[in-house]
Amino acid sequence: MIAEFTDRVTAPALRPIRNLVPAVGGFDISPVILILFLIFLQGFLIRMEMRFA
């Protein structure tokens, strides 16, 4: 039940990444890419907020 919920919530964000990046050695690295992107986006938005605030 928890796994289904997690899959439903994350699938829309992970699907485009999975289409672009093939599995590496049988491992799906799309969650790692998504987390790195979100960290980058967070830093970018914080810098923009500080610049325009």
N, C-alpha and C. Protein backbone atom coordinates (compact mmCIF):
# COMPACT_ATOMS: atom_id res chain seq x y z
N MET A 1 0.81 -1.18 0.00
CA MET A 1 0.00 0.00 0.00
C MET A 1 0.87 1.27 0.00
N ILE A 2 1.89 1.32 0.82
CA ILE A 2 2.77 2.48 0.85
C ILE A 2 3.56 2.57 -0.45
N ALA A 3 4.00 1.43 -0.97
CA ALA A 3 4.76 1.42 -2.23
C ALA A 3 3.90 1.92 -3.38
N GLU A 4 2.62 1.54 -3.41
CA GLU A 4 1.73 2.03 -4.46
C GLU A 4 1.58 3.54 -4.39
N PHE A 5 1.37 4.06 -3.19
CA PHE A 5 1.22 5.50 -3.01
C PHE A 5 2.47 6.24 -3.46
N THR A 6 3.63 5.75 -3.03
CA THR A 6 4.90 6.38 -3.41
C THR A 6 5.08 6.36 -4.92
N ASP A 7 4.73 5.24 -5.54
CA ASP A 7 4.86 5.15 -7.00
C ASP A 7 3.92 6.12 -7.70
N ARG A 8 2.70 6.22 -7.23
CA ARG A 8 1.74 7.15 -7.84
C ARG A 8 2.17 8.61 -7.71
N VAL A 9 2.76 8.94 -6.58
CA VAL A 9 3.16 10.33 -6.34
C VAL A 9 4.41 10.69 -7.14
N THR A 10 5.36 9.77 -7.22
CA THR A 10 6.64 10.09 -7.86
C THR A 10 6.69 9.78 -9.36
N ALA A 11 5.82 8.92 -9.84
CA ALA A 11 5.86 8.51 -11.25
C ALA A 11 5.79 9.68 -12.23
N PRO A 12 4.91 10.65 -12.03
CA PRO A 12 4.86 11.77 -13.00
C PRO A 12 6.18 12.55 -13.09
N ALA A 13 6.90 12.67 -12.01
CA ALA A 13 8.18 13.40 -12.04
C ALA A 13 9.30 12.53 -12.58
N LEU A 14 9.24 11.23 -12.33
CA LEU A 14 10.33 10.34 -12.75
C LEU A 14 10.19 9.86 -14.19
N ARG A 15 8.98 9.80 -14.71
CA ARG A 15 8.74 9.26 -16.06
C ARG A 15 9.56 9.98 -17.14
N PRO A 16 9.56 11.32 -17.19
CA PRO A 16 10.36 11.98 -18.24
C PRO A 16 11.85 11.70 -18.11
N ILE A 17 12.34 11.60 -16.89
CA ILE A 17 13.77 11.31 -16.68
C ILE A 17 14.07 9.89 -17.14
N ARG A 18 13.19 8.95 -16.82
CA ARG A 18 13.39 7.56 -17.23
C ARG A 18 13.38 7.43 -18.75
N ASN A 19 12.60 8.27 -19.43
CA ASN A 19 12.58 8.22 -20.88
C ASN A 19 13.88 8.75 -21.49
N LEU A 20 14.53 9.69 -20.81
CA LEU A 20 15.75 10.28 -21.33
C LEU A 20 17.01 9.50 -20.95
N VAL A 21 17.04 8.97 -19.72
CA VAL A 21 18.25 8.34 -19.19
C VAL A 21 18.02 6.84 -19.06
N PRO A 22 18.79 6.04 -19.77
CA PRO A 22 18.62 4.60 -19.63
C PRO A 22 19.14 4.11 -18.28
N ALA A 23 18.69 2.94 -17.89
CA ALA A 23 19.18 2.33 -16.64
C ALA A 23 20.67 2.05 -16.79
N VAL A 24 21.42 2.32 -15.76
CA VAL A 24 22.87 2.13 -15.78
C VAL A 24 23.19 0.84 -15.02
N GLY A 25 23.68 -0.15 -15.74
CA GLY A 25 24.03 -1.42 -15.10
C GLY A 25 22.84 -2.09 -14.44
N GLY A 26 21.65 -1.88 -14.97
CA GLY A 26 20.46 -2.47 -14.39
C GLY A 26 19.86 -1.67 -13.26
N PHE A 27 20.46 -0.55 -12.91
CA PHE A 27 19.95 0.30 -11.84
C PHE A 27 19.28 1.53 -12.42
N ASP A 28 18.15 1.89 -11.86
CA ASP A 28 17.43 3.09 -12.27
C ASP A 28 17.96 4.26 -11.47
N ILE A 29 18.64 5.18 -12.14
CA ILE A 29 19.23 6.33 -11.44
C ILE A 29 18.36 7.58 -11.55
N SER A 30 17.14 7.44 -12.09
CA SER A 30 16.28 8.61 -12.24
C SER A 30 15.93 9.27 -10.90
N PRO A 31 15.73 8.54 -9.80
CA PRO A 31 15.48 9.24 -8.53
C PRO A 31 16.66 10.11 -8.09
N VAL A 32 17.87 9.64 -8.34
CA VAL A 32 19.06 10.42 -7.98
C VAL A 32 19.11 11.69 -8.81
N ILE A 33 18.83 11.57 -10.09
CA ILE A 33 18.83 12.74 -10.98
C ILE A 33 17.76 13.73 -10.55
N LEU A 34 16.58 13.23 -10.19
CA LEU A 34 15.50 14.11 -9.74
C LEU A 34 15.88 14.84 -8.45
N ILE A 35 16.48 14.14 -7.51
CA ILE A 35 16.89 14.77 -6.25
C ILE A 35 17.94 15.84 -6.51
N LEU A 36 18.92 15.56 -7.36
CA LEU A 36 19.95 16.55 -7.68
C LEU A 36 19.34 17.77 -8.36
N PHE A 37 18.39 17.53 -9.26
CA PHE A 37 17.72 18.64 -9.93
C PHE A 37 16.95 19.50 -8.92
N LEU A 38 16.26 18.85 -7.98
CA LEU A 38 15.51 19.60 -6.97
C LEU A 38 16.42 20.40 -6.06
N ILE A 39 17.58 19.86 -5.73
CA ILE A 39 18.55 20.60 -4.91
C ILE A 39 19.05 21.82 -5.67
N PHE A 40 19.37 21.62 -6.95
CA PHE A 40 19.80 22.74 -7.79
C PHE A 40 18.70 23.80 -7.89
N LEU A 41 17.47 23.37 -8.12
CA LEU A 41 16.36 24.30 -8.25
C LEU A 41 16.13 25.08 -6.96
N GLN A 42 16.24 24.41 -5.83
CA GLN A 42 16.07 25.07 -4.55
C GLN A 42 17.13 26.17 -4.36
N GLY A 43 18.38 25.84 -4.64
CA GLY A 43 19.45 26.83 -4.52
C GLY A 43 19.24 28.00 -5.45
N PHE A 44 18.82 27.71 -6.67
CA PHE A 44 18.57 28.76 -7.65
C PHE A 44 17.45 29.69 -7.19
N LEU A 45 16.36 29.11 -6.69
CA LEU A 45 15.23 29.93 -6.24
C LEU A 45 15.59 30.76 -5.02
N ILE A 46 16.37 30.21 -4.13
CA ILE A 46 16.80 30.97 -2.95
C ILE A 46 17.66 32.14 -3.38
N ARG A 47 18.60 31.91 -4.33
CA ARG A 47 19.43 33.02 -4.82
C ARG A 47 18.60 34.10 -5.50
N MET A 48 17.60 33.69 -6.27
CA MET A 48 16.74 34.67 -6.94
C MET A 48 15.93 35.45 -5.92
N GLU A 49 15.46 34.78 -4.89
CA GLU A 49 14.70 35.46 -3.85
C GLU A 49 15.56 36.49 -3.14
N MET A 50 16.79 36.14 -2.85
CA MET A 50 17.69 37.08 -2.16
C MET A 50 18.06 38.24 -3.05
N ARG A 51 18.18 38.00 -4.33
CA ARG A 51 18.54 39.07 -5.27
C ARG A 51 17.43 40.10 -5.40
N PHE A 52 16.19 39.63 -5.46
CA PHE A 52 15.06 40.54 -5.71
C PHE A 52 14.33 40.97 -4.46
N ALA A 53 14.75 40.49 -3.32
CA ALA A 53 14.05 40.85 -2.08
C ALA A 53 14.56 42.17 -1.53
